[in-house]
Amino acid sequence: MQSAINRLEAEKAELESVLTSGVLGRTNNLVRLLSFVCEKYFEGKIDDVKEYSIAVQALGRSEDFDPQVDTIVRVTAHALRKRLEDFYRSAGAQHAVQICLPPGHYTPKFLHKSDLDSLAPAESNGRHNDHAVNGATQTENGFAHPPSNGIVLPTETSDAGSPQPVKSSRTFKLSSGTFAFHRWL
């Protein structure tokens, strides 16, 4: 496991990498939203990451912002999630850290490949083929892109290629979230 300082530096470097990659295009709101939520995360002020504060402090809405009338934060967060997913399925697939903005939340999650590697069960018989269910996808680089509920669920694949029920499972609490790993024996 990396030290907390090294993890923080890796997370900051990944944010900078995403911001400079061009994946967010010319859409300033995507950059502002990602920068704001990540900076609050780095400052340890995740309780400040609310729809209202994002709208007023990051997206420049007035103090009388009403989230019931103006959906700018939800729309921008949805677009940001899609861009991040696309980025980590292509150009960012080999990055050691990946940024996730779980649906329904504005606090970023940083997924470290080293965490997932150390928790993955050892491959024992060559039949092991991790991939995710519930909307997540496992990539060749070992990352599982989070499903809509933010929980990574690798499973085995039958000879027909479809996910099969698992016989054993473990749930791990990491600094980047809770992950449930399943293994069909």
N, C-alpha and C. Protein backbone atom coordinates (compact mmCIF):
# COMPACT_ATOMS: atom_id res chain seq x y z
N MET A 1 0.83 -1.19 0.00
CA MET A 1 0.00 0.00 0.00
C MET A 1 0.87 1.25 0.00
N GLN A 2 0.42 2.25 -0.70
CA GLN A 2 1.16 3.51 -0.76
C GLN A 2 0.94 4.29 0.53
N SER A 3 1.88 5.17 0.87
CA SER A 3 1.68 6.04 2.01
C SER A 3 0.61 7.06 1.67
N ALA A 4 0.02 7.66 2.68
CA ALA A 4 -1.05 8.63 2.48
C ALA A 4 -0.57 9.83 1.67
N ILE A 5 0.66 10.26 1.89
CA ILE A 5 1.20 11.40 1.14
C ILE A 5 1.37 11.04 -0.32
N ASN A 6 1.92 9.85 -0.59
CA ASN A 6 2.09 9.42 -1.98
C ASN A 6 0.75 9.25 -2.68
N ARG A 7 -0.24 8.74 -1.96
CA ARG A 7 -1.58 8.56 -2.53
C ARG A 7 -2.17 9.93 -2.90
N LEU A 8 -2.05 10.88 -1.99
CA LEU A 8 -2.58 12.22 -2.24
C LEU A 8 -1.88 12.86 -3.44
N GLU A 9 -0.59 12.72 -3.52
CA GLU A 9 0.16 13.28 -4.65
C GLU A 9 -0.26 12.60 -5.96
N ALA A 10 -0.47 11.29 -5.92
CA ALA A 10 -0.91 10.56 -7.12
C ALA A 10 -2.31 11.02 -7.54
N GLU A 11 -3.18 11.27 -6.56
CA GLU A 11 -4.53 11.74 -6.86
C GLU A 11 -4.50 13.14 -7.47
N LYS A 12 -3.67 14.01 -6.90
CA LYS A 12 -3.54 15.36 -7.46
C LYS A 12 -2.96 15.32 -8.87
N ALA A 13 -2.00 14.44 -9.08
CA ALA A 13 -1.39 14.30 -10.41
C ALA A 13 -2.43 13.79 -11.41
N GLU A 14 -3.28 12.89 -10.99
CA GLU A 14 -4.32 12.37 -11.89
C GLU A 14 -5.33 13.46 -12.23
N LEU A 15 -5.69 14.28 -11.26
CA LEU A 15 -6.59 15.41 -11.55
C LEU A 15 -5.95 16.30 -12.60
N GLU A 16 -4.70 16.64 -12.42
CA GLU A 16 -4.00 17.50 -13.38
C GLU A 16 -3.94 16.84 -14.76
N SER A 17 -3.71 15.54 -14.77
CA SER A 17 -3.67 14.80 -16.03
C SER A 17 -5.01 14.86 -16.76
N VAL A 18 -6.09 14.67 -16.03
CA VAL A 18 -7.43 14.73 -16.64
C VAL A 18 -7.71 16.14 -17.15
N LEU A 19 -7.39 17.15 -16.34
CA LEU A 19 -7.68 18.53 -16.71
C LEU A 19 -6.89 18.97 -17.95
N THR A 20 -5.69 18.44 -18.12
CA THR A 20 -4.86 18.84 -19.26
C THR A 20 -5.00 17.91 -20.46
N SER A 21 -5.74 16.82 -20.31
CA SER A 21 -5.85 15.83 -21.38
C SER A 21 -6.73 16.27 -22.54
N GLY A 22 -7.62 17.22 -22.30
CA GLY A 22 -8.55 17.64 -23.34
C GLY A 22 -9.84 16.83 -23.33
N VAL A 23 -9.94 15.83 -22.46
CA VAL A 23 -11.13 14.99 -22.40
C VAL A 23 -12.38 15.79 -22.02
N LEU A 24 -12.20 16.86 -21.31
CA LEU A 24 -13.35 17.66 -20.89
C LEU A 24 -13.73 18.70 -21.94
N GLY A 25 -12.98 18.71 -23.03
CA GLY A 25 -13.30 19.59 -24.14
C GLY A 25 -13.21 21.06 -23.77
N ARG A 26 -14.02 21.82 -24.44
CA ARG A 26 -14.03 23.27 -24.20
C ARG A 26 -15.10 23.67 -23.19
N THR A 27 -15.71 22.70 -22.57
CA THR A 27 -16.79 22.96 -21.62
C THR A 27 -16.21 23.38 -20.28
N ASN A 28 -16.23 24.68 -20.01
CA ASN A 28 -15.67 25.19 -18.77
C ASN A 28 -16.37 24.64 -17.54
N ASN A 29 -17.67 24.37 -17.63
CA ASN A 29 -18.39 23.89 -16.46
C ASN A 29 -17.88 22.52 -16.00
N LEU A 30 -17.49 21.67 -16.91
CA LEU A 30 -16.95 20.37 -16.52
C LEU A 30 -15.64 20.53 -15.77
N VAL A 31 -14.79 21.39 -16.26
CA VAL A 31 -13.51 21.67 -15.60
C VAL A 31 -13.74 22.29 -14.24
N ARG A 32 -14.64 23.26 -14.17
CA ARG A 32 -14.92 23.93 -12.89
C ARG A 32 -15.49 22.95 -11.86
N LEU A 33 -16.42 22.11 -12.29
CA LEU A 33 -17.02 21.15 -11.36
C LEU A 33 -15.98 20.16 -10.84
N LEU A 34 -15.22 19.54 -11.76
CA LEU A 34 -14.22 18.57 -11.33
C LEU A 34 -13.16 19.22 -10.44
N SER A 35 -12.69 20.39 -10.81
CA SER A 35 -11.69 21.09 -10.01
C SER A 35 -12.22 21.40 -8.61
N PHE A 36 -13.44 21.90 -8.54
CA PHE A 36 -14.04 22.29 -7.26
C PHE A 36 -14.19 21.09 -6.33
N VAL A 37 -14.80 20.01 -6.82
CA VAL A 37 -15.04 18.86 -5.94
C VAL A 37 -13.74 18.19 -5.53
N CYS A 38 -12.77 18.15 -6.42
CA CYS A 38 -11.48 17.55 -6.07
C CYS A 38 -10.72 18.41 -5.07
N GLU A 39 -10.75 19.72 -5.25
CA GLU A 39 -10.06 20.59 -4.29
C GLU A 39 -10.68 20.48 -2.91
N LYS A 40 -12.00 20.41 -2.81
CA LYS A 40 -12.66 20.23 -1.51
C LYS A 40 -12.25 18.89 -0.90
N TYR A 41 -12.16 17.87 -1.74
CA TYR A 41 -11.72 16.55 -1.29
C TYR A 41 -10.29 16.62 -0.74
N PHE A 42 -9.39 17.27 -1.48
CA PHE A 42 -7.99 17.38 -1.05
C PHE A 42 -7.87 18.20 0.24
N GLU A 43 -8.74 19.19 0.41
CA GLU A 43 -8.72 20.03 1.61
C GLU A 43 -9.39 19.34 2.80
N GLY A 44 -10.01 18.21 2.58
CA GLY A 44 -10.73 17.51 3.65
C GLY A 44 -12.07 18.14 3.98
N LYS A 45 -12.62 18.88 3.05
CA LYS A 45 -13.89 19.58 3.27
C LYS A 45 -15.00 18.98 2.42
N ILE A 46 -15.13 17.66 2.45
CA ILE A 46 -16.13 17.03 1.60
C ILE A 46 -17.56 17.36 2.02
N ASP A 47 -17.73 17.80 3.27
CA ASP A 47 -19.07 18.21 3.71
C ASP A 47 -19.52 19.48 3.00
N ASP A 48 -18.57 20.23 2.42
CA ASP A 48 -18.89 21.45 1.69
C ASP A 48 -19.33 21.17 0.25
N VAL A 49 -19.24 19.92 -0.17
CA VAL A 49 -19.57 19.56 -1.55
C VAL A 49 -21.06 19.25 -1.63
N LYS A 50 -21.83 20.26 -1.88
CA LYS A 50 -23.29 20.16 -2.01
C LYS A 50 -23.70 20.82 -3.31
N GLU A 51 -24.87 20.49 -3.78
CA GLU A 51 -25.35 21.03 -5.04
C GLU A 51 -25.34 22.56 -5.03
N TYR A 52 -25.80 23.16 -3.94
CA TYR A 52 -25.85 24.62 -3.85
C TYR A 52 -24.44 25.22 -3.91
N SER A 53 -23.50 24.67 -3.12
CA SER A 53 -22.15 25.25 -3.11
C SER A 53 -21.46 25.09 -4.45
N ILE A 54 -21.70 23.97 -5.13
CA ILE A 54 -21.13 23.78 -6.46
C ILE A 54 -21.67 24.83 -7.42
N ALA A 55 -22.98 25.04 -7.38
CA ALA A 55 -23.62 26.00 -8.28
C ALA A 55 -23.09 27.41 -8.06
N VAL A 56 -23.01 27.82 -6.81
CA VAL A 56 -22.62 29.21 -6.49
C VAL A 56 -21.11 29.40 -6.59
N GLN A 57 -20.34 28.52 -5.97
CA GLN A 57 -18.89 28.71 -5.90
C GLN A 57 -18.14 28.26 -7.14
N ALA A 58 -18.61 27.19 -7.79
CA ALA A 58 -17.86 26.67 -8.94
C ALA A 58 -18.45 27.09 -10.27
N LEU A 59 -19.77 27.12 -10.36
CA LEU A 59 -20.40 27.39 -11.66
C LEU A 59 -20.90 28.82 -11.81
N GLY A 60 -20.68 29.65 -10.80
CA GLY A 60 -20.97 31.07 -10.92
C GLY A 60 -22.44 31.46 -10.84
N ARG A 61 -23.28 30.62 -10.28
CA ARG A 61 -24.68 30.98 -10.12
C ARG A 61 -24.82 31.97 -8.97
N SER A 62 -25.90 32.70 -8.96
CA SER A 62 -26.12 33.72 -7.92
C SER A 62 -26.49 33.07 -6.59
N GLU A 63 -26.43 33.86 -5.53
CA GLU A 63 -26.73 33.38 -4.17
C GLU A 63 -28.16 32.88 -4.02
N ASP A 64 -29.06 33.32 -4.90
CA ASP A 64 -30.46 32.87 -4.82
C ASP A 64 -30.70 31.62 -5.68
N PHE A 65 -29.65 30.87 -5.96
CA PHE A 65 -29.76 29.65 -6.75
C PHE A 65 -30.76 28.69 -6.11
N ASP A 66 -31.65 28.14 -6.93
CA ASP A 66 -32.64 27.17 -6.47
C ASP A 66 -32.48 25.89 -7.28
N PRO A 67 -32.00 24.80 -6.66
CA PRO A 67 -31.78 23.56 -7.41
C PRO A 67 -33.06 22.92 -7.93
N GLN A 68 -34.20 23.33 -7.40
CA GLN A 68 -35.48 22.80 -7.90
C GLN A 68 -35.83 23.41 -9.26
N VAL A 69 -35.30 24.60 -9.53
CA VAL A 69 -35.58 25.30 -10.77
C VAL A 69 -34.44 25.14 -11.78
N ASP A 70 -33.21 25.23 -11.29
CA ASP A 70 -32.03 25.19 -12.14
C ASP A 70 -31.29 23.88 -11.93
N THR A 71 -31.21 23.07 -12.96
CA THR A 71 -30.59 21.74 -12.86
C THR A 71 -29.13 21.71 -13.33
N ILE A 72 -28.48 22.85 -13.40
CA ILE A 72 -27.14 22.94 -13.96
C ILE A 72 -26.14 21.99 -13.30
N VAL A 73 -26.22 21.84 -12.00
CA VAL A 73 -25.25 20.98 -11.30
C VAL A 73 -25.47 19.52 -11.67
N ARG A 74 -26.71 19.06 -11.64
CA ARG A 74 -27.00 17.67 -11.97
C ARG A 74 -26.65 17.35 -13.42
N VAL A 75 -26.98 18.26 -14.32
CA VAL A 75 -26.70 18.06 -15.74
C VAL A 75 -25.19 18.03 -15.99
N THR A 76 -24.47 18.94 -15.37
CA THR A 76 -23.02 19.01 -15.54
C THR A 76 -22.35 17.78 -14.92
N ALA A 77 -22.81 17.36 -13.74
CA ALA A 77 -22.24 16.17 -13.10
C ALA A 77 -22.47 14.93 -13.96
N HIS A 78 -23.64 14.81 -14.55
CA HIS A 78 -23.92 13.68 -15.44
C HIS A 78 -22.96 13.68 -16.64
N ALA A 79 -22.80 14.84 -17.26
CA ALA A 79 -21.89 14.95 -18.41
C ALA A 79 -20.45 14.63 -17.99
N LEU A 80 -20.05 15.09 -16.81
CA LEU A 80 -18.70 14.82 -16.31
C LEU A 80 -18.49 13.33 -16.08
N ARG A 81 -19.47 12.66 -15.49
CA ARG A 81 -19.36 11.21 -15.28
C ARG A 81 -19.15 10.48 -16.60
N LYS A 82 -19.91 10.85 -17.61
CA LYS A 82 -19.79 10.21 -18.93
C LYS A 82 -18.41 10.45 -19.53
N ARG A 83 -17.91 11.67 -19.45
CA ARG A 83 -16.59 11.99 -20.00
C ARG A 83 -15.49 11.21 -19.28
N LEU A 84 -15.59 11.12 -17.95
CA LEU A 84 -14.59 10.37 -17.20
C LEU A 84 -14.63 8.88 -17.55
N GLU A 85 -15.83 8.33 -17.66
CA GLU A 85 -15.97 6.92 -18.05
C GLU A 85 -15.34 6.68 -19.42
N ASP A 86 -15.63 7.55 -20.38
CA ASP A 86 -15.06 7.41 -21.72
C ASP A 86 -13.54 7.52 -21.69
N PHE A 87 -13.03 8.47 -20.92
CA PHE A 87 -11.60 8.68 -20.82
C PHE A 87 -10.90 7.44 -20.26
N TYR A 88 -11.47 6.85 -19.20
CA TYR A 88 -10.82 5.70 -18.57
C TYR A 88 -11.06 4.39 -19.32
N ARG A 89 -11.88 4.42 -20.30
CA ARG A 89 -12.03 3.25 -21.18
C ARG A 89 -11.12 3.37 -22.40
N SER A 90 -10.50 4.53 -22.58
CA SER A 90 -9.64 4.73 -23.75
C SER A 90 -8.28 5.26 -23.31
N ALA A 91 -8.02 6.53 -23.51
CA ALA A 91 -6.71 7.12 -23.27
C ALA A 91 -6.21 6.97 -21.84
N GLY A 92 -7.10 6.99 -20.86
CA GLY A 92 -6.68 6.89 -19.47
C GLY A 92 -6.74 5.50 -18.89
N ALA A 93 -6.92 4.50 -19.73
CA ALA A 93 -7.10 3.13 -19.26
C ALA A 93 -5.91 2.60 -18.46
N GLN A 94 -4.72 3.05 -18.76
CA GLN A 94 -3.53 2.54 -18.08
C GLN A 94 -3.10 3.39 -16.88
N HIS A 95 -3.85 4.41 -16.55
CA HIS A 95 -3.48 5.27 -15.42
C HIS A 95 -3.54 4.49 -14.11
N ALA A 96 -2.60 4.75 -13.23
CA ALA A 96 -2.53 4.06 -11.94
C ALA A 96 -3.62 4.51 -10.99
N VAL A 97 -4.18 5.70 -11.21
CA VAL A 97 -5.27 6.23 -10.40
C VAL A 97 -6.35 6.69 -11.37
N GLN A 98 -7.59 6.45 -10.99
CA GLN A 98 -8.71 6.91 -11.81
C GLN A 98 -9.70 7.65 -10.93
N ILE A 99 -10.29 8.69 -11.49
CA ILE A 99 -11.25 9.52 -10.76
C ILE A 99 -12.65 9.08 -11.14
N CYS A 100 -13.49 8.92 -10.14
CA CYS A 100 -14.88 8.52 -10.35
C CYS A 100 -15.77 9.50 -9.59
N LEU A 101 -16.86 9.88 -10.19
CA LEU A 101 -17.87 10.70 -9.52
C LEU A 101 -19.13 9.83 -9.46
N PRO A 102 -19.34 9.12 -8.34
CA PRO A 102 -20.46 8.18 -8.28
C PRO A 102 -21.80 8.87 -8.50
N PRO A 103 -22.69 8.23 -9.23
CA PRO A 103 -24.02 8.81 -9.45
C PRO A 103 -24.72 9.09 -8.12
N GLY A 104 -25.38 10.24 -8.06
CA GLY A 104 -26.09 10.63 -6.85
C GLY A 104 -25.21 11.32 -5.83
N HIS A 105 -23.92 11.44 -6.15
CA HIS A 105 -22.98 12.07 -5.23
C HIS A 105 -22.10 13.03 -6.01
N TYR A 106 -21.55 14.00 -5.30
CA TYR A 106 -20.65 14.95 -5.93
C TYR A 106 -19.23 14.84 -5.39
N THR A 107 -19.01 13.98 -4.40
CA THR A 107 -17.69 13.78 -3.85
C THR A 107 -16.94 12.78 -4.72
N PRO A 108 -15.74 13.14 -5.19
CA PRO A 108 -15.00 12.24 -6.06
C PRO A 108 -14.45 11.04 -5.30
N LYS A 109 -14.29 9.95 -6.02
CA LYS A 109 -13.63 8.76 -5.50
C LYS A 109 -12.40 8.54 -6.37
N PHE A 110 -11.29 8.24 -5.73
CA PHE A 110 -10.06 7.96 -6.45
C PHE A 110 -9.78 6.47 -6.33
N LEU A 111 -9.79 5.79 -7.46
CA LEU A 111 -9.56 4.36 -7.51
C LEU A 111 -8.10 4.12 -7.84
N HIS A 112 -7.40 3.45 -6.94
CA HIS A 112 -5.98 3.16 -7.12
C HIS A 112 -5.82 1.73 -7.60
N LYS A 113 -5.14 1.56 -8.70
CA LYS A 113 -4.92 0.22 -9.25
C LYS A 113 -4.21 -0.66 -8.24
N SER A 114 -3.30 -0.10 -7.46
CA SER A 114 -2.56 -0.89 -6.47
C SER A 114 -3.50 -1.47 -5.41
N ASP A 115 -4.55 -0.75 -5.04
CA ASP A 115 -5.53 -1.27 -4.08
C ASP A 115 -6.27 -2.46 -4.67
N LEU A 116 -6.69 -2.32 -5.91
CA LEU A 116 -7.44 -3.39 -6.55
C LEU A 116 -6.56 -4.61 -6.79
N ASP A 117 -5.30 -4.40 -7.15
CA ASP A 117 -4.38 -5.51 -7.38
C ASP A 117 -4.14 -6.29 -6.10
N SER A 118 -3.98 -5.60 -4.98
CA SER A 118 -3.67 -6.28 -3.73
C SER A 118 -4.87 -7.01 -3.16
N LEU A 119 -6.08 -6.65 -3.56
CA LEU A 119 -7.28 -7.29 -3.04
C LEU A 119 -7.81 -8.38 -3.95
N ALA A 120 -7.38 -8.40 -5.20
CA ALA A 120 -7.90 -9.38 -6.15
C ALA A 120 -7.43 -10.77 -5.76
N PRO A 121 -8.34 -11.76 -5.83
CA PRO A 121 -7.93 -13.11 -5.49
C PRO A 121 -6.93 -13.65 -6.50
N ALA A 122 -6.06 -14.54 -6.05
CA ALA A 122 -5.04 -15.12 -6.93
C ALA A 122 -5.71 -15.99 -7.97
N GLU A 123 -5.17 -15.92 -9.16
CA GLU A 123 -5.69 -16.74 -10.25
C GLU A 123 -5.16 -18.15 -10.05
N SER A 124 -6.06 -19.13 -9.94
CA SER A 124 -5.61 -20.46 -9.58
C SER A 124 -5.71 -21.49 -10.69
N ASN A 125 -6.68 -21.37 -11.59
CA ASN A 125 -6.85 -22.45 -12.54
C ASN A 125 -6.95 -22.00 -13.99
N GLY A 126 -6.68 -20.76 -14.27
CA GLY A 126 -6.74 -20.27 -15.65
C GLY A 126 -8.15 -19.98 -16.12
N ARG A 127 -9.18 -20.42 -15.38
CA ARG A 127 -10.57 -20.16 -15.76
C ARG A 127 -11.05 -18.83 -15.23
N HIS A 128 -10.28 -18.24 -14.36
CA HIS A 128 -10.69 -16.99 -13.73
C HIS A 128 -10.75 -15.88 -14.76
N ASN A 129 -11.89 -15.26 -14.90
CA ASN A 129 -12.08 -14.20 -15.88
C ASN A 129 -12.91 -13.11 -15.23
N ASP A 130 -12.24 -12.21 -14.51
CA ASP A 130 -12.98 -11.16 -13.82
C ASP A 130 -13.61 -10.21 -14.82
N HIS A 131 -14.82 -9.92 -14.62
CA HIS A 131 -15.49 -8.81 -15.27
C HIS A 131 -16.59 -8.39 -14.34
N ALA A 132 -17.17 -7.27 -14.54
CA ALA A 132 -18.11 -6.76 -13.57
C ALA A 132 -19.55 -6.94 -14.02
N VAL A 133 -20.44 -6.89 -13.06
CA VAL A 133 -21.87 -6.96 -13.32
C VAL A 133 -22.51 -5.66 -12.84
N ASN A 134 -23.79 -5.55 -13.00
CA ASN A 134 -24.53 -4.36 -12.57
C ASN A 134 -24.00 -3.09 -13.23
N GLY A 135 -23.55 -3.18 -14.47
CA GLY A 135 -23.16 -1.99 -15.20
C GLY A 135 -21.69 -1.66 -15.16
N ALA A 136 -20.90 -2.33 -14.34
CA ALA A 136 -19.47 -2.05 -14.30
C ALA A 136 -18.78 -2.90 -15.35
N THR A 137 -17.60 -2.44 -15.77
CA THR A 137 -16.82 -3.22 -16.72
C THR A 137 -15.41 -3.37 -16.22
N GLN A 138 -14.87 -4.55 -16.33
CA GLN A 138 -13.48 -4.82 -15.93
C GLN A 138 -12.62 -4.67 -17.18
N THR A 139 -11.54 -3.94 -17.07
CA THR A 139 -10.67 -3.73 -18.21
C THR A 139 -9.42 -4.56 -18.06
N GLU A 140 -8.65 -4.66 -19.12
CA GLU A 140 -7.42 -5.44 -19.09
C GLU A 140 -6.40 -4.90 -18.11
N ASN A 141 -6.49 -3.61 -17.79
CA ASN A 141 -5.51 -3.02 -16.89
C ASN A 141 -5.85 -3.27 -15.42
N GLY A 142 -6.94 -4.00 -15.16
CA GLY A 142 -7.27 -4.36 -13.79
C GLY A 142 -8.27 -3.45 -13.12
N PHE A 143 -8.67 -2.37 -13.75
CA PHE A 143 -9.66 -1.49 -13.15
C PHE A 143 -11.05 -1.98 -13.47
N ALA A 144 -11.92 -1.81 -12.56
CA ALA A 144 -13.33 -2.05 -12.83
C ALA A 144 -14.01 -0.70 -12.80
N HIS A 145 -14.59 -0.31 -13.91
CA HIS A 145 -15.29 0.96 -13.95
C HIS A 145 -16.55 0.83 -13.12
N PRO A 146 -16.80 1.75 -12.20
CA PRO A 146 -17.90 1.61 -11.27
C PRO A 146 -19.25 1.57 -11.96
N PRO A 147 -20.15 0.72 -11.46
CA PRO A 147 -21.51 0.73 -11.97
C PRO A 147 -22.27 1.88 -11.36
N SER A 148 -23.55 1.96 -11.62
CA SER A 148 -24.35 3.09 -11.14
C SER A 148 -24.36 3.18 -9.62
N ASN A 149 -24.20 2.07 -8.91
CA ASN A 149 -24.20 2.14 -7.45
C ASN A 149 -22.81 2.32 -6.86
N GLY A 150 -21.78 2.40 -7.70
CA GLY A 150 -20.44 2.67 -7.24
C GLY A 150 -19.73 1.47 -6.62
N ILE A 151 -20.30 0.27 -6.68
CA ILE A 151 -19.69 -0.90 -6.10
C ILE A 151 -19.17 -1.80 -7.21
N VAL A 152 -17.93 -2.22 -7.10
CA VAL A 152 -17.30 -3.05 -8.12
C VAL A 152 -17.57 -4.51 -7.79
N LEU A 153 -18.10 -5.24 -8.73
CA LEU A 153 -18.45 -6.63 -8.50
C LEU A 153 -17.88 -7.56 -9.57
N PRO A 154 -16.59 -7.91 -9.52
CA PRO A 154 -16.07 -8.87 -10.48
C PRO A 154 -16.68 -10.24 -10.23
N THR A 155 -16.93 -11.01 -11.28
CA THR A 155 -17.49 -12.35 -11.16
C THR A 155 -16.79 -13.28 -12.13
N GLU A 156 -17.16 -14.52 -12.11
CA GLU A 156 -16.67 -15.50 -13.07
C GLU A 156 -17.60 -15.51 -14.28
N THR A 157 -17.10 -16.08 -15.37
CA THR A 157 -17.89 -16.20 -16.58
C THR A 157 -18.06 -17.67 -16.90
N SER A 158 -19.27 -18.05 -17.28
CA SER A 158 -19.51 -19.44 -17.67
C SER A 158 -18.94 -19.66 -19.07
N ASP A 159 -18.95 -20.92 -19.52
CA ASP A 159 -18.48 -21.23 -20.87
C ASP A 159 -19.31 -20.48 -21.91
N ALA A 160 -20.56 -20.16 -21.58
CA ALA A 160 -21.44 -19.43 -22.50
C ALA A 160 -21.13 -17.94 -22.51
N GLY A 161 -20.28 -17.48 -21.57
CA GLY A 161 -19.87 -16.08 -21.56
C GLY A 161 -20.74 -15.18 -20.71
N SER A 162 -21.67 -15.72 -19.93
CA SER A 162 -22.53 -14.88 -19.11
C SER A 162 -22.12 -14.97 -17.65
N PRO A 163 -22.35 -13.90 -16.87
CA PRO A 163 -21.99 -13.92 -15.46
C PRO A 163 -22.77 -15.01 -14.72
N GLN A 164 -22.09 -15.69 -13.83
CA GLN A 164 -22.71 -16.74 -13.04
C GLN A 164 -22.74 -16.32 -11.58
N PRO A 165 -23.68 -16.87 -10.81
CA PRO A 165 -23.71 -16.56 -9.37
C PRO A 165 -22.38 -16.95 -8.73
N VAL A 166 -22.01 -16.23 -7.72
CA VAL A 166 -20.76 -16.50 -7.05
C VAL A 166 -21.01 -17.33 -5.80
N LYS A 167 -20.00 -18.09 -5.39
CA LYS A 167 -20.14 -18.92 -4.21
C LYS A 167 -19.50 -18.29 -2.98
N SER A 168 -18.58 -17.36 -3.18
CA SER A 168 -17.96 -16.69 -2.05
C SER A 168 -17.76 -15.23 -2.40
N SER A 169 -17.73 -14.40 -1.38
CA SER A 169 -17.53 -12.98 -1.64
C SER A 169 -16.88 -12.34 -0.43
N ARG A 170 -16.28 -11.21 -0.67
CA ARG A 170 -15.69 -10.39 0.38
C ARG A 170 -15.96 -8.94 0.07
N THR A 171 -16.15 -8.16 1.10
CA THR A 171 -16.31 -6.73 0.94
C THR A 171 -15.14 -6.06 1.63
N PHE A 172 -14.52 -5.12 0.94
CA PHE A 172 -13.36 -4.42 1.47
C PHE A 172 -13.67 -2.94 1.57
N LYS A 173 -13.28 -2.33 2.67
CA LYS A 173 -13.40 -0.89 2.84
C LYS A 173 -12.05 -0.27 2.50
N LEU A 174 -12.05 0.62 1.52
CA LEU A 174 -10.83 1.33 1.15
C LEU A 174 -11.08 2.81 1.32
N SER A 175 -10.01 3.58 1.29
CA SER A 175 -10.18 5.03 1.39
C SER A 175 -10.96 5.57 0.20
N SER A 176 -10.94 4.84 -0.92
CA SER A 176 -11.64 5.29 -2.11
C SER A 176 -13.05 4.72 -2.21
N GLY A 177 -13.51 3.99 -1.19
CA GLY A 177 -14.87 3.47 -1.21
C GLY A 177 -14.94 2.02 -0.77
N THR A 178 -16.12 1.45 -0.86
CA THR A 178 -16.34 0.06 -0.49
C THR A 178 -16.43 -0.78 -1.75
N PHE A 179 -15.71 -1.88 -1.79
CA PHE A 179 -15.71 -2.74 -2.95
C PHE A 179 -16.08 -4.15 -2.52
N ALA A 180 -16.94 -4.78 -3.26
CA ALA A 180 -17.32 -6.16 -2.99
C ALA A 180 -16.72 -7.02 -4.10
N PHE A 181 -15.82 -7.90 -3.72
CA PHE A 181 -15.21 -8.80 -4.69
C PHE A 181 -15.83 -10.16 -4.53
N HIS A 182 -16.20 -10.76 -5.63
CA HIS A 182 -16.82 -12.07 -5.61
C HIS A 182 -15.98 -13.03 -6.43
N ARG A 183 -15.95 -14.27 -6.00
CA ARG A 183 -15.19 -15.28 -6.72
C ARG A 183 -16.03 -16.55 -6.78
N TRP A 184 -16.21 -17.04 -7.99
CA TRP A 184 -16.91 -18.30 -8.19
C TRP A 184 -15.88 -19.39 -8.16
N LEU A 185 -16.00 -20.32 -7.24
CA LEU A 185 -14.99 -21.35 -7.04
C LEU A 185 -15.23 -22.56 -7.92
